[in-house]
Every structure is written in C-alpha cells, then in structure tokens.
C-alpha cells in the first residue's frame, strides 16, 4: 500500500495536504514506508484526525 492510498483510506485529501504542507507530507511518508500501516496509525492517530479535518477527502 502506498502512502497516497493509505491517506485515501483515512479520508484525507493527499493532494491538498502535499501542496499545503510539503515538508510535513514528506516527513510522514518517510516514516510510513519504514513501518507497518497499523503501527503508523497507532503512532500518528491524533495527527491523522487533525489532517482529516483540515484536508477532507470529498467523494465525487
């Protein structure tokens, strides 16, 4: 699973996140590829919730 797919599953608009906060996006992507997605979720749960509110994925 790619980082972009993961963010889509978490209902986060990765394109908006990447363009608005490229440094934070890259930092999180580097961590994501190094650990299991479930571990990433456990470690970043509160951050992911904030990102979901800031960059909601709108289904068309």
N, C-alpha and C. Protein backbone atom coordinates (compact mmCIF):
# COMPACT_ATOMS: atom_id res chain seq x y z
N UNK A 1 0.86 -1.18 0.00
CA UNK A 1 0.00 0.00 0.00
C UNK A 1 0.90 1.24 0.00
N UNK A 2 0.57 2.16 -0.88
CA UNK A 2 1.34 3.40 -0.93
C UNK A 2 0.81 4.38 0.11
N UNK A 3 1.60 5.40 0.39
CA UNK A 3 1.21 6.42 1.35
C UNK A 3 -0.05 7.14 0.86
N UNK A 4 -0.13 7.37 -0.45
CA UNK A 4 -1.29 8.06 -1.01
C UNK A 4 -2.56 7.22 -0.83
N UNK A 5 -2.46 5.91 -1.06
CA UNK A 5 -3.61 5.01 -0.85
C UNK A 5 -4.01 4.99 0.62
N UNK A 6 -3.02 4.98 1.48
CA UNK A 6 -3.29 4.99 2.92
C UNK A 6 -4.08 6.24 3.31
N UNK A 7 -3.63 7.40 2.83
CA UNK A 7 -4.32 8.65 3.15
C UNK A 7 -5.74 8.65 2.60
N UNK A 8 -5.94 8.10 1.40
CA UNK A 8 -7.30 7.99 0.85
C UNK A 8 -8.17 7.12 1.74
N UNK A 9 -7.61 6.00 2.23
CA UNK A 9 -8.37 5.12 3.13
C UNK A 9 -8.74 5.82 4.42
N UNK A 10 -7.90 6.76 4.84
CA UNK A 10 -8.16 7.53 6.06
C UNK A 10 -9.00 8.78 5.78
N UNK A 11 -9.47 8.91 4.52
CA UNK A 11 -10.32 10.02 4.09
C UNK A 11 -9.61 11.37 4.20
N UNK A 12 -8.32 11.37 3.81
CA UNK A 12 -7.51 12.58 3.80
C UNK A 12 -7.15 12.88 2.34
N UNK A 13 -7.37 14.11 1.92
CA UNK A 13 -7.03 14.54 0.57
C UNK A 13 -5.52 14.74 0.50
N UNK A 14 -4.82 13.74 -0.02
CA UNK A 14 -3.36 13.78 -0.02
C UNK A 14 -2.81 14.88 -0.93
N UNK A 15 -3.53 15.22 -2.00
CA UNK A 15 -3.07 16.27 -2.90
C UNK A 15 -3.07 17.63 -2.21
N UNK A 16 -4.13 17.92 -1.48
CA UNK A 16 -4.21 19.19 -0.74
C UNK A 16 -3.17 19.22 0.37
N UNK A 17 -3.01 18.12 1.06
CA UNK A 17 -2.02 18.01 2.13
C UNK A 17 -0.61 18.22 1.57
N UNK A 18 -0.31 17.56 0.47
CA UNK A 18 1.02 17.66 -0.13
C UNK A 18 1.32 19.07 -0.61
N UNK A 19 0.35 19.74 -1.20
CA UNK A 19 0.60 21.09 -1.71
C UNK A 19 0.65 22.13 -0.60
N UNK A 20 -0.13 21.93 0.47
CA UNK A 20 -0.18 22.90 1.56
C UNK A 20 0.98 22.74 2.54
N UNK A 21 1.40 21.50 2.80
CA UNK A 21 2.46 21.24 3.79
C UNK A 21 3.43 20.19 3.24
N UNK A 22 4.21 20.55 2.21
CA UNK A 22 5.07 19.54 1.57
C UNK A 22 6.12 18.93 2.49
N UNK A 23 6.67 19.70 3.40
CA UNK A 23 7.69 19.18 4.30
C UNK A 23 7.09 18.15 5.25
N UNK A 24 5.96 18.46 5.85
CA UNK A 24 5.28 17.54 6.76
C UNK A 24 4.85 16.27 6.02
N UNK A 25 4.36 16.45 4.80
CA UNK A 25 3.94 15.32 3.97
C UNK A 25 5.11 14.36 3.74
N UNK A 26 6.25 14.90 3.34
CA UNK A 26 7.43 14.06 3.08
C UNK A 26 7.94 13.38 4.35
N UNK A 27 7.92 14.10 5.48
CA UNK A 27 8.34 13.50 6.75
C UNK A 27 7.47 12.30 7.09
N UNK A 28 6.17 12.46 6.96
CA UNK A 28 5.25 11.37 7.28
C UNK A 28 5.39 10.22 6.29
N UNK A 29 5.62 10.53 5.03
CA UNK A 29 5.77 9.50 4.01
C UNK A 29 7.02 8.64 4.29
N UNK A 30 8.10 9.27 4.70
CA UNK A 30 9.34 8.54 5.01
C UNK A 30 9.10 7.58 6.17
N UNK A 31 8.41 8.04 7.20
CA UNK A 31 8.09 7.18 8.34
C UNK A 31 7.17 6.04 7.91
N UNK A 32 6.16 6.36 7.10
CA UNK A 32 5.18 5.37 6.66
C UNK A 32 5.84 4.19 5.95
N UNK A 33 6.80 4.46 5.06
CA UNK A 33 7.41 3.37 4.30
C UNK A 33 8.33 2.51 5.16
N UNK A 34 8.67 2.98 6.35
CA UNK A 34 9.58 2.23 7.22
C UNK A 34 8.86 1.31 8.20
N UNK A 35 7.57 1.56 8.45
CA UNK A 35 6.85 0.76 9.44
C UNK A 35 5.53 0.25 8.86
N UNK A 36 4.90 -0.65 9.57
CA UNK A 36 3.62 -1.22 9.16
C UNK A 36 2.52 -0.15 9.27
N UNK A 37 1.57 -0.15 8.34
CA UNK A 37 0.49 0.85 8.39
C UNK A 37 -0.27 0.91 9.73
N UNK A 38 -0.48 -0.23 10.36
CA UNK A 38 -1.18 -0.23 11.65
C UNK A 38 -0.34 0.46 12.73
N UNK A 39 0.96 0.26 12.70
CA UNK A 39 1.85 0.94 13.65
C UNK A 39 1.86 2.44 13.38
N UNK A 40 1.86 2.79 12.11
CA UNK A 40 1.83 4.21 11.74
C UNK A 40 0.55 4.85 12.27
N UNK A 41 -0.57 4.17 12.09
CA UNK A 41 -1.85 4.69 12.58
C UNK A 41 -1.82 4.88 14.10
N UNK A 42 -1.28 3.90 14.80
CA UNK A 42 -1.22 3.98 16.26
C UNK A 42 -0.34 5.16 16.70
N UNK A 43 0.76 5.36 16.01
CA UNK A 43 1.69 6.44 16.38
C UNK A 43 1.16 7.82 16.02
N UNK A 44 0.42 7.92 14.93
CA UNK A 44 0.00 9.22 14.40
C UNK A 44 -1.50 9.47 14.48
N UNK A 45 -2.18 8.74 15.35
CA UNK A 45 -3.64 8.80 15.41
C UNK A 45 -4.18 10.23 15.55
N UNK A 46 -3.67 10.99 16.50
CA UNK A 46 -4.18 12.34 16.72
C UNK A 46 -3.82 13.27 15.56
N UNK A 47 -2.64 13.10 15.00
CA UNK A 47 -2.24 13.90 13.85
C UNK A 47 -3.12 13.57 12.64
N UNK A 48 -3.41 12.30 12.44
CA UNK A 48 -4.28 11.90 11.33
C UNK A 48 -5.68 12.49 11.47
N UNK A 49 -6.20 12.53 12.68
CA UNK A 49 -7.52 13.12 12.90
C UNK A 49 -7.52 14.60 12.53
N UNK A 50 -6.44 15.31 12.91
CA UNK A 50 -6.34 16.73 12.56
C UNK A 50 -6.23 16.92 11.05
N UNK A 51 -5.46 16.05 10.40
CA UNK A 51 -5.32 16.13 8.94
C UNK A 51 -6.64 15.84 8.25
N UNK A 52 -7.40 14.90 8.77
CA UNK A 52 -8.71 14.56 8.19
C UNK A 52 -9.65 15.76 8.24
N UNK A 53 -9.57 16.52 9.32
CA UNK A 53 -10.43 17.71 9.44
C UNK A 53 -9.95 18.84 8.52
N UNK A 54 -8.63 18.98 8.40
CA UNK A 54 -8.06 20.07 7.61
C UNK A 54 -8.12 19.80 6.11
N UNK A 55 -7.91 18.54 5.72
CA UNK A 55 -7.88 18.15 4.30
C UNK A 55 -8.88 17.01 4.04
N UNK A 56 -10.17 17.28 4.15
CA UNK A 56 -11.15 16.19 3.97
C UNK A 56 -11.17 15.71 2.52
N UNK A 57 -11.33 14.42 2.36
CA UNK A 57 -11.46 13.82 1.03
C UNK A 57 -12.93 13.87 0.64
N UNK A 58 -13.21 14.60 -0.40
CA UNK A 58 -14.58 14.75 -0.89
C UNK A 58 -14.80 13.71 -1.99
N UNK A 59 -15.71 12.76 -1.75
CA UNK A 59 -16.02 11.77 -2.77
C UNK A 59 -16.95 12.38 -3.81
N UNK A 60 -16.60 12.17 -5.08
CA UNK A 60 -17.45 12.72 -6.12
C UNK A 60 -18.35 11.66 -6.70
